Amino acid sequence: MECKQCGLDLTAYRGCQEVTLRCPQCGETYDLKEFVSDMDEDFEEEMGFVPMDRI
């Protein structure tokens, strides 16, 4: 998945309450729901390594 602003690959970022996709170049942040149609097995495996059990 690419940044709509600069075209670089987005990285997963875990905040306190949610996981978003963020561009390492320009800092633009995207909600995961914007990319649901692009999600594949590789993406799901990568997201599996993002800890999401914080309270």
Protein backbone atom coordinates (compact mmCIF):
# COMPACT_ATOMS: atom_id res chain seq x y z
CA MET A 1 0.00 0.00 0.00
CA GLU A 2 1.33 3.39 -0.98
CA CYS A 3 1.00 6.88 0.45
CA LYS A 4 -1.46 8.98 -1.55
CA GLN A 5 0.72 12.06 -0.96
CA CYS A 6 4.20 10.86 -1.99
CA GLY A 7 3.85 7.28 -3.23
CA LEU A 8 6.11 5.54 -0.71
CA ASP A 9 5.15 2.28 0.98
CA LEU A 10 3.19 2.70 4.21
CA THR A 11 4.20 1.08 7.49
CA ALA A 12 1.98 -0.13 10.31
CA TYR A 13 2.00 2.03 13.43
CA ARG A 14 0.46 1.00 16.72
CA GLY A 15 -0.92 3.82 18.83
CA CYS A 16 -2.47 3.47 22.26
CA GLN A 17 -5.93 2.64 20.94
CA GLU A 18 -5.57 1.79 17.26
CA VAL A 19 -3.33 0.63 14.46
CA THR A 20 -2.88 2.94 11.48
CA LEU A 21 -0.74 3.02 8.37
CA ARG A 22 1.83 5.81 8.26
CA CYS A 23 4.15 7.12 5.56
CA PRO A 24 7.78 7.18 6.73
CA GLN A 25 8.53 10.07 4.35
CA CYS A 26 5.80 12.68 4.82
CA GLY A 27 4.11 11.38 7.99
CA GLU A 28 0.63 11.13 6.44
CA THR A 29 -1.53 8.72 8.46
CA TYR A 30 -4.27 6.47 7.09
CA ASP A 31 -6.93 4.40 8.80
CA LEU A 32 -6.75 0.68 7.99
CA LYS A 33 -10.32 0.68 6.67
CA GLU A 34 -9.18 2.78 3.69
CA PHE A 35 -7.17 -0.22 2.45
CA VAL A 36 -9.48 -3.15 3.22
CA SER A 37 -9.85 -3.99 -0.48
CA ASP A 38 -6.03 -4.10 -0.87
CA MET A 39 -5.37 -6.42 2.07
CA ASP A 40 -3.95 -9.81 1.17
CA GLU A 41 -2.30 -12.70 3.01
CA ASP A 42 1.08 -10.94 3.15
CA PHE A 43 -0.50 -7.87 4.74
CA GLU A 44 -2.40 -9.97 7.27
CA GLU A 45 0.79 -11.80 8.22
CA GLU A 46 2.65 -8.51 8.72
CA MET A 47 -0.18 -7.16 10.87
CA GLY A 48 -0.05 -10.35 12.94
CA PHE A 49 3.25 -9.11 14.38
CA VAL A 50 1.80 -5.80 15.59
CA PRO A 51 0.95 -6.23 19.31
CA MET A 52 -2.65 -5.15 19.92
CA ASP A 53 -3.32 -6.33 23.46
CA ARG A 54 -2.68 -3.06 25.30
CA ILE A 55 -5.21 -1.76 27.78
